[in-house]
């Protein structure tokens, strides 16, 4: 019982610091000190654990991956690839209702803060013919923007979860891919049931040139995925190759290319990533994770409850995608499995956390999208409740089936 109180204090301090708008990296550093104090880690061992977490090969690779992902997102924005991609899609789509979904979904392939705002003007324009309410416009733009975060390997959530649970990123993505399919299908069912069909109307008929426009709009990301899943390269290498090619093939001036590199480099995110790995290492060294394993039965009801409650509550309260992974997943390692992690348990923890993200009023995408469309969040929640329940219910069903079979 004392161990669970200590763990609760560790999570509570992080939540308080985040609610006070303390930077997540600094909050993790301060919480590392609390872990050391609560579990009796001497200063010398604390310093050694921090140094190991900071300089380990896994940490350095992870920081490199995060920075390269941020750079590619910046490159695609700066080169106007996103705008050309959406223009091509509008000419290719035959059912006008899909314009309410596809552009937001495609732009969702680009990991970025408040990225739902990129698709909002397109949804606004497409929705005029049906006179949709602000709540429905908010839902379509918001929901389809987030269908990829279960499996897209460029999202920091996936990268961090793979690193913490020591599950190969390709394996984690493949296990969680059905939830992207389910989220997309659920959104389309809602779309087609609530928006009447209409005739196709665009500025012109789509052609193979538009298909090529879509490919060109995403080529660095598509190349990275091919290099990871087909060529079998490590993610850091694949991202580095794609980043180098963006520079070699760019027709921009050297100053403009350097500006993109500088804009894509985020010391804050790099430090946050390093702080997470230091936090994880201190948890391991202090014996906190072993203590959790002794108190919480991984196969018992308490273990399953913790897999849901910890990531869900942190996500709901903070609305920060990386926060529920960074704060709770290191604590869940003993339950998921330190030596041979169970991907079904990891999946359930991830979907539980992302469920909290989708309904969190602190989630930047939800808040900004609702504000853009002047929607009442209560009306948006009435629409969101069903699709969110479907996805979480599926994760719960998969968990139960994996235990029974």
Protein backbone atom coordinates (compact mmCIF):
# COMPACT_ATOMS: atom_id res chain seq x y z
CA UNK A 1 0.00 0.00 0.00
CA UNK A 2 2.86 2.38 0.85
CA UNK A 3 4.39 1.73 -2.57
CA UNK A 4 1.16 2.71 -4.33
CA UNK A 5 0.97 5.90 -2.25
CA UNK A 6 4.52 6.77 -3.33
CA UNK A 7 3.65 6.14 -6.99
CA UNK A 8 0.51 8.24 -6.59
CA UNK A 9 2.63 11.09 -5.19
CA UNK A 10 5.01 10.84 -8.14
CA UNK A 11 2.15 11.09 -10.65
CA UNK A 12 0.40 13.79 -8.61
CA UNK A 13 3.49 16.03 -8.55
CA UNK A 14 3.81 15.76 -12.32
CA UNK A 15 0.17 16.64 -12.81
CA UNK A 16 0.40 19.63 -10.48
CA UNK A 17 3.51 20.92 -12.24
CA UNK A 18 1.92 20.50 -15.66
CA UNK A 19 -1.29 22.22 -14.54
CA UNK A 20 0.92 25.07 -13.30
CA UNK A 21 2.28 25.20 -16.86
CA UNK A 22 5.76 24.08 -15.84
CA UNK A 23 7.64 22.73 -18.87
CA UNK A 24 7.22 18.94 -19.08
CA UNK A 25 10.99 18.38 -19.29
CA UNK A 26 11.58 20.38 -16.11
CA UNK A 27 8.62 18.65 -14.44
CA UNK A 28 10.15 15.24 -15.21
CA UNK A 29 13.51 16.39 -13.82
CA UNK A 30 11.90 17.58 -10.58
CA UNK A 31 9.89 14.40 -10.30
CA UNK A 32 13.07 12.36 -10.72
CA UNK A 33 14.32 13.99 -7.51
CA UNK A 34 11.09 13.00 -5.76
CA UNK A 35 11.53 9.39 -6.94
CA UNK A 36 15.05 9.34 -5.49
CA UNK A 37 13.81 10.77 -2.18
CA UNK A 38 10.83 8.44 -1.81
CA UNK A 39 12.76 5.26 -2.69
CA UNK A 40 15.99 6.13 -0.88
CA UNK A 41 18.32 6.54 -3.84
CA UNK A 42 21.65 8.06 -2.62
CA UNK A 43 22.89 11.22 -4.39
CA UNK A 44 25.82 9.42 -5.98
CA UNK A 45 23.61 6.72 -7.49
CA UNK A 46 21.12 9.37 -8.53
CA UNK A 47 23.81 11.26 -10.43
CA UNK A 48 25.12 8.08 -12.03
CA UNK A 49 21.63 6.98 -13.10
CA UNK A 50 20.93 10.43 -14.55
CA UNK A 51 24.20 10.36 -16.49
CA UNK A 52 23.47 6.86 -17.82
CA UNK A 53 19.97 7.87 -18.89
CA UNK A 54 21.27 11.01 -20.55
CA UNK A 55 24.15 9.48 -22.50
CA UNK A 56 22.86 6.02 -23.37
CA UNK A 57 22.76 5.00 -27.02
CA UNK A 58 18.96 4.59 -26.84
CA UNK A 59 18.54 8.16 -25.57
CA UNK A 60 20.83 9.68 -28.20
CA UNK A 61 19.07 7.77 -30.99
CA UNK A 62 15.67 8.82 -29.67
CA UNK A 63 16.66 12.50 -29.56
CA UNK A 64 17.94 12.22 -33.14
CA UNK A 65 14.69 10.61 -34.29
CA UNK A 66 12.54 13.28 -32.65
CA UNK A 67 14.53 16.16 -34.16
CA UNK A 68 14.45 14.62 -37.64
CA UNK A 69 10.67 14.13 -37.43
CA UNK A 70 10.25 17.77 -36.47
CA UNK A 71 12.48 18.83 -39.36
CA UNK A 72 10.49 16.86 -41.94
CA UNK A 73 7.24 18.38 -40.71
CA UNK A 74 8.75 21.85 -41.01
CA UNK A 75 10.10 21.09 -44.49
CA UNK A 76 6.71 19.97 -45.79
CA UNK A 77 5.08 23.12 -44.44
CA UNK A 78 7.75 25.49 -45.76
CA UNK A 79 7.74 23.97 -49.24
CA UNK A 80 3.92 24.28 -49.54
CA UNK A 81 3.65 20.53 -50.09
CA UNK A 82 0.57 20.40 -47.86
CA UNK A 83 -1.35 22.95 -49.92
CA UNK A 84 -0.57 21.24 -53.24
CA UNK A 85 -1.48 17.89 -51.73
CA UNK A 86 -4.91 19.11 -50.65
CA UNK A 87 -5.58 20.74 -54.03
CA UNK A 88 -4.83 17.44 -55.76
CA UNK A 89 -7.11 15.56 -53.37
CA UNK A 90 -10.03 17.88 -54.03
CA UNK A 91 -9.82 17.09 -57.75
CA UNK A 92 -9.53 13.34 -57.13
CA UNK A 93 -12.39 12.89 -54.65
CA UNK A 94 -15.63 11.77 -56.36
CA UNK A 95 -17.96 11.93 -53.32
CA UNK A 96 -17.95 15.52 -52.00
CA UNK A 97 -18.65 14.25 -48.49
CA UNK A 98 -15.14 12.80 -48.39
CA UNK A 99 -13.68 16.30 -48.58
CA UNK A 100 -14.90 16.58 -44.98
CA UNK A 101 -12.58 13.68 -44.08
CA UNK A 102 -9.72 13.07 -46.49
CA UNK A 103 -7.81 16.37 -46.29
CA UNK A 104 -7.80 16.28 -42.48
CA UNK A 105 -6.75 12.63 -42.54
CA UNK A 106 -3.93 13.24 -45.00
CA UNK A 107 -2.69 16.26 -43.07
CA UNK A 108 -2.77 14.02 -40.00
CA UNK A 109 0.24 12.23 -41.43
CA UNK A 110 2.25 15.33 -40.53
CA UNK A 111 2.98 15.35 -36.78
CA UNK A 112 2.70 18.89 -35.50
CA UNK A 113 1.20 20.83 -32.61
CA UNK A 114 -2.42 21.91 -33.18
CA UNK A 115 -2.22 20.33 -36.65
CA UNK A 116 -5.99 20.08 -36.89
CA UNK A 117 -6.05 23.79 -37.67
CA UNK A 118 -4.49 23.12 -41.09
CA UNK A 119 -7.54 21.20 -42.23
CA UNK A 120 -10.15 23.44 -40.60
CA UNK A 121 -10.45 25.96 -43.48
CA UNK A 122 -10.94 23.11 -45.95
CA UNK A 123 -13.69 21.55 -43.86
CA UNK A 124 -15.27 24.98 -43.43
CA UNK A 125 -15.42 25.47 -47.19
CA UNK A 126 -16.61 21.92 -47.94
CA UNK A 127 -19.33 22.07 -45.27
CA UNK A 128 -21.07 25.12 -46.76
CA UNK A 129 -23.21 23.11 -49.17
CA UNK A 130 -24.81 21.16 -46.31
CA UNK A 131 -25.06 23.94 -43.76
CA UNK A 132 -23.46 21.78 -41.07
CA UNK A 133 -23.48 22.96 -37.48
CA UNK A 134 -20.24 24.11 -35.83
CA UNK A 135 -20.17 20.95 -33.68
CA UNK A 136 -20.33 18.63 -36.69
CA UNK A 137 -17.63 20.56 -38.54
CA UNK A 138 -15.46 20.38 -35.45
CA UNK A 139 -15.99 16.64 -35.17
CA UNK A 140 -15.11 15.79 -38.78
CA UNK A 141 -11.99 17.92 -38.79
CA UNK A 142 -10.88 16.74 -35.34
CA UNK A 143 -11.66 13.04 -35.63
CA UNK A 144 -10.07 12.32 -38.99
CA UNK A 145 -6.99 14.34 -38.10
CA UNK A 146 -6.29 11.88 -35.24
CA UNK A 147 -6.93 8.48 -36.81
CA UNK A 148 -3.22 7.88 -37.43
CA UNK A 149 -1.90 8.29 -33.90
CA UNK A 150 -2.48 4.62 -33.11
CA UNK A 151 0.05 3.36 -35.63
CA UNK A 152 1.89 6.09 -37.58
CA UNK A 153 5.59 5.67 -36.66
CA UNK A 154 6.41 9.37 -37.01
CA UNK A 155 4.26 10.34 -34.03
CA UNK A 156 6.28 10.91 -30.87
CA UNK A 157 3.72 8.94 -28.84
CA UNK A 158 4.51 5.81 -30.83
CA UNK A 159 8.26 6.43 -30.79
CA UNK A 160 8.31 6.94 -27.01
CA UNK A 161 6.03 3.95 -26.31
CA UNK A 162 8.23 1.71 -28.46
CA UNK A 163 11.35 2.86 -26.63
CA UNK A 164 9.92 2.60 -23.11
CA UNK A 165 8.32 -0.82 -23.57
CA UNK A 166 11.18 -2.07 -25.75
CA UNK A 167 8.85 -3.21 -28.48
CA UNK A 168 10.15 -2.76 -32.05
CA UNK A 169 8.34 0.17 -33.57
CA UNK A 170 7.26 -1.89 -36.59
CA UNK A 171 5.73 -4.50 -34.28
CA UNK A 172 3.91 -1.90 -32.21
CA UNK A 173 2.57 -0.17 -35.32
CA UNK A 174 1.30 -3.43 -36.83
CA UNK A 175 -0.47 -4.43 -33.61
CA UNK A 176 -2.18 -1.03 -33.40
CA UNK A 177 -2.90 -0.60 -37.12
CA UNK A 178 -6.40 -2.14 -36.81
CA UNK A 179 -7.35 0.75 -34.51
CA UNK A 180 -6.50 3.29 -37.18
CA UNK A 181 -8.69 1.30 -39.57
CA UNK A 182 -11.44 1.12 -36.95
CA UNK A 183 -11.23 4.85 -36.19
CA UNK A 184 -11.39 5.71 -39.91
CA UNK A 185 -14.31 3.33 -40.49
CA UNK A 186 -16.20 4.65 -37.47
CA UNK A 187 -15.74 8.22 -38.63
CA UNK A 188 -16.92 7.37 -42.15
CA UNK A 189 -20.02 5.60 -40.82
CA UNK A 190 -20.90 8.73 -38.83
CA UNK A 191 -20.16 10.89 -41.87
CA UNK A 192 -22.27 8.94 -44.36
CA UNK A 193 -25.17 8.54 -41.90
CA UNK A 194 -25.41 12.23 -41.10
CA UNK A 195 -24.46 13.99 -44.34
CA UNK A 196 -26.55 13.40 -47.48
CA UNK A 197 -24.82 12.48 -50.72
CA UNK A 198 -24.36 15.12 -53.40
CA UNK A 199 -23.05 15.40 -56.90
CA UNK A 200 -19.33 15.77 -57.52
CA UNK A 201 -18.22 19.33 -58.00
CA UNK A 202 -14.62 20.44 -58.34
CA UNK A 203 -12.65 22.77 -60.53
CA UNK A 204 -11.78 19.90 -62.82
CA UNK A 205 -11.61 16.15 -63.10
CA UNK A 206 -8.83 14.42 -61.23
CA UNK A 207 -5.97 12.93 -63.22
CA UNK A 208 -2.80 10.94 -62.72
CA UNK A 209 -1.09 14.30 -62.30
CA UNK A 210 -3.13 14.79 -59.15
CA UNK A 211 -2.18 11.32 -57.89
CA UNK A 212 1.43 12.29 -58.45
CA UNK A 213 0.73 15.53 -56.61
CA UNK A 214 -0.38 13.56 -53.55
CA UNK A 215 2.78 11.44 -53.70
CA UNK A 216 4.99 14.51 -54.08
CA UNK A 217 3.21 16.18 -51.19
CA UNK A 218 4.20 13.33 -48.87
CA UNK A 219 7.34 11.91 -50.46
CA UNK A 220 9.73 12.34 -47.51
CA UNK A 221 7.26 10.60 -45.20
CA UNK A 222 6.44 7.86 -47.69
CA UNK A 223 10.13 7.24 -48.32
CA UNK A 224 10.79 6.96 -44.59
CA UNK A 225 8.02 4.39 -44.19
CA UNK A 226 9.30 2.33 -47.13
CA UNK A 227 12.84 2.38 -45.75
CA UNK A 228 11.60 1.21 -42.33
CA UNK A 229 9.03 -1.41 -43.29
CA UNK A 230 10.35 -2.63 -46.65
CA UNK A 231 14.11 -2.06 -46.55
CA UNK A 232 14.26 -2.87 -42.83
CA UNK A 233 16.39 0.13 -41.89
CA UNK A 234 16.42 1.56 -38.39
CA UNK A 235 14.14 4.53 -37.98
CA UNK A 236 17.00 6.94 -37.27
CA UNK A 237 18.78 5.93 -40.48
CA UNK A 238 15.60 6.09 -42.57
CA UNK A 239 14.73 9.55 -41.29
CA UNK A 240 18.29 10.78 -41.81
CA UNK A 241 18.30 9.59 -45.43
CA UNK A 242 14.96 11.29 -46.11
CA UNK A 243 16.16 14.51 -44.48
CA UNK A 244 19.38 14.55 -46.51
CA UNK A 245 17.44 13.99 -49.73
CA UNK A 246 15.12 16.91 -48.96
CA UNK A 247 18.19 19.13 -48.86
CA UNK A 248 19.86 17.65 -51.94
CA UNK A 249 16.69 17.85 -54.06
CA UNK A 250 15.58 21.28 -52.83
CA UNK A 251 15.68 24.13 -55.32
CA UNK A 252 15.56 26.76 -52.59
CA UNK A 253 18.43 29.06 -51.80
CA UNK A 254 20.92 27.94 -49.18
CA UNK A 255 19.66 30.58 -46.73
CA UNK A 256 16.08 29.36 -47.11
CA UNK A 257 17.11 25.74 -46.58
CA UNK A 258 19.05 26.67 -43.47
CA UNK A 259 16.01 28.56 -42.19
CA UNK A 260 13.95 25.36 -42.45
CA UNK A 261 16.61 23.42 -40.52
CA UNK A 262 16.65 26.06 -37.78
CA UNK A 263 12.85 26.18 -37.58
CA UNK A 264 12.67 22.39 -37.31
CA UNK A 265 15.26 22.21 -34.52
CA UNK A 266 13.64 22.36 -31.09
CA UNK A 267 16.01 22.30 -28.10
CA UNK A 268 12.97 22.16 -25.80
CA UNK A 269 11.68 18.95 -27.37
CA UNK A 270 15.18 17.45 -27.38
CA UNK A 271 15.56 18.21 -23.67
CA UNK A 272 12.10 16.82 -22.97
CA UNK A 273 13.03 13.56 -24.68
CA UNK A 274 16.29 13.34 -22.72
CA UNK A 275 14.47 14.14 -19.46
CA UNK A 276 12.03 11.30 -20.13
CA UNK A 277 14.86 8.80 -20.54
CA UNK A 278 16.58 10.08 -17.40
CA UNK A 279 13.28 9.75 -15.51
CA UNK A 280 12.88 6.19 -16.77
CA UNK A 281 16.44 5.27 -15.77
CA UNK A 282 16.03 6.72 -12.27
CA UNK A 283 12.80 4.76 -11.83
CA UNK A 284 14.66 1.58 -12.75
CA UNK A 285 17.69 2.31 -10.54
CA UNK A 286 15.64 3.36 -7.51
CA UNK A 287 13.77 0.06 -7.41
CA UNK A 288 10.41 1.83 -7.91
CA UNK A 289 9.45 -0.39 -10.84
CA UNK A 290 10.36 -3.55 -8.95
CA UNK A 291 8.26 -2.31 -6.04
CA UNK A 292 5.27 -1.78 -8.34
CA UNK A 293 5.69 -5.31 -9.72
CA UNK A 294 5.60 -6.72 -6.19
CA UNK A 295 2.48 -4.80 -5.18
CA UNK A 296 0.46 -4.95 -8.42
CA UNK A 297 -0.30 -8.36 -9.84
CA UNK A 298 0.34 -8.03 -13.60
CA UNK A 299 -2.24 -10.71 -14.31
CA UNK A 300 -4.73 -9.48 -11.74
CA UNK A 301 -7.51 -6.96 -11.88
CA UNK A 302 -5.38 -4.27 -10.21
CA UNK A 303 -2.81 -4.49 -13.00
CA UNK A 304 -5.45 -4.10 -15.70
CA UNK A 305 -7.09 -1.23 -13.84
CA UNK A 306 -3.74 0.58 -13.59
CA UNK A 307 -3.14 0.05 -17.33
CA UNK A 308 -6.35 1.98 -17.97
CA UNK A 309 -6.54 4.50 -15.17
CA UNK A 310 -2.98 5.87 -15.16
CA UNK A 311 -2.66 6.85 -18.85
CA UNK A 312 -6.34 7.82 -19.17
CA UNK A 313 -6.33 10.22 -16.21
CA UNK A 314 -3.01 11.83 -17.11
CA UNK A 315 -4.16 12.30 -20.71
CA UNK A 316 -7.56 13.67 -19.65
CA UNK A 317 -6.06 16.16 -17.22
CA UNK A 318 -3.14 17.38 -19.34
CA UNK A 319 -4.39 17.01 -22.92
CA UNK A 320 -0.75 16.52 -23.95
CA UNK A 321 -0.15 13.54 -26.23
CA UNK A 322 3.40 12.87 -25.09
CA UNK A 323 2.56 13.40 -21.41
CA UNK A 324 0.52 10.24 -20.82
CA UNK A 325 3.28 8.16 -22.41
CA UNK A 326 6.17 9.96 -20.70
CA UNK A 327 4.58 10.03 -17.24
CA UNK A 328 2.81 6.68 -16.94
CA UNK A 329 4.42 4.18 -19.32
CA UNK A 330 7.68 3.90 -17.33
CA UNK A 331 5.52 2.99 -14.31
CA UNK A 332 3.65 0.38 -16.35
CA UNK A 333 6.76 -1.45 -17.56
CA UNK A 334 6.51 -4.11 -14.79
CA UNK A 335 2.94 -4.88 -15.86
CA UNK A 336 3.52 -4.85 -19.61
CA UNK A 337 6.70 -6.88 -19.13
CA UNK A 338 10.28 -5.67 -18.86
CA UNK A 339 11.98 -8.65 -20.48
CA UNK A 340 9.36 -9.86 -22.93
CA UNK A 341 6.70 -7.11 -23.24
CA UNK A 342 3.14 -8.09 -24.04
CA UNK A 343 2.03 -6.03 -27.07
CA UNK A 344 -1.66 -6.48 -26.16
CA UNK A 345 -1.12 -4.90 -22.75
CA UNK A 346 0.88 -2.10 -24.37
CA UNK A 347 -1.93 -1.60 -26.88
CA UNK A 348 -4.57 -1.36 -24.16
CA UNK A 349 -2.52 1.16 -22.18
CA UNK A 350 -1.94 3.24 -25.31
CA UNK A 351 -5.58 3.28 -26.41
CA UNK A 352 -6.66 4.08 -22.84
CA UNK A 353 -4.37 7.09 -22.84
CA UNK A 354 -5.40 8.24 -26.27
CA UNK A 355 -9.06 7.93 -25.28
CA UNK A 356 -8.32 10.49 -22.59
CA UNK A 357 -6.57 12.71 -25.14
CA UNK A 358 -9.54 12.64 -27.53
CA UNK A 359 -11.99 13.88 -24.90
CA UNK A 360 -9.65 16.16 -22.95
CA UNK A 361 -10.82 19.80 -22.92
CA UNK A 362 -7.13 20.71 -22.49
CA UNK A 363 -6.20 19.09 -25.81
CA UNK A 364 -4.97 21.90 -28.02
CA UNK A 365 -6.43 20.48 -31.25
CA UNK A 366 -9.90 20.14 -29.74
CA UNK A 367 -9.86 23.54 -28.09
CA UNK A 368 -8.56 25.39 -31.15
CA UNK A 369 -10.81 23.57 -33.63
CA UNK A 370 -13.91 24.20 -31.53
CA UNK A 371 -12.91 27.85 -31.21
CA UNK A 372 -12.32 28.13 -34.98
CA UNK A 373 -15.80 26.82 -35.79
CA UNK A 374 -17.38 28.59 -32.79
CA UNK A 375 -18.67 25.26 -31.52
CA UNK A 376 -20.00 24.51 -28.04
CA UNK A 377 -17.83 21.74 -26.56
CA UNK A 378 -20.88 20.09 -25.00
CA UNK A 379 -22.33 19.57 -28.47
CA UNK A 380 -19.01 18.24 -29.74
CA UNK A 381 -18.81 15.78 -26.84
CA UNK A 382 -22.27 14.43 -27.66
CA UNK A 383 -20.98 13.51 -31.12
CA UNK A 384 -17.56 12.30 -29.93
CA UNK A 385 -18.91 9.98 -27.25
CA UNK A 386 -20.06 7.23 -29.61
CA UNK A 387 -16.92 6.92 -31.81
CA UNK A 388 -14.60 7.16 -28.78
CA UNK A 389 -16.59 4.43 -27.00
CA UNK A 390 -16.33 2.19 -30.08
CA UNK A 391 -12.53 2.46 -30.22
CA UNK A 392 -12.03 1.97 -26.48
CA UNK A 393 -14.54 -0.89 -26.41
CA UNK A 394 -12.58 -2.61 -29.17
CA UNK A 395 -9.33 -2.25 -27.19
CA UNK A 396 -11.01 -3.72 -24.11
CA UNK A 397 -12.41 -6.60 -26.18
CA UNK A 398 -8.95 -7.33 -27.65
CA UNK A 399 -7.46 -7.34 -24.15
CA UNK A 400 -10.10 -9.78 -22.84
CA UNK A 401 -9.71 -12.03 -25.89
CA UNK A 402 -5.91 -12.06 -25.55
CA UNK A 403 -6.23 -13.24 -21.93
CA UNK A 404 -8.79 -15.95 -22.70
CA UNK A 405 -7.22 -17.41 -25.84
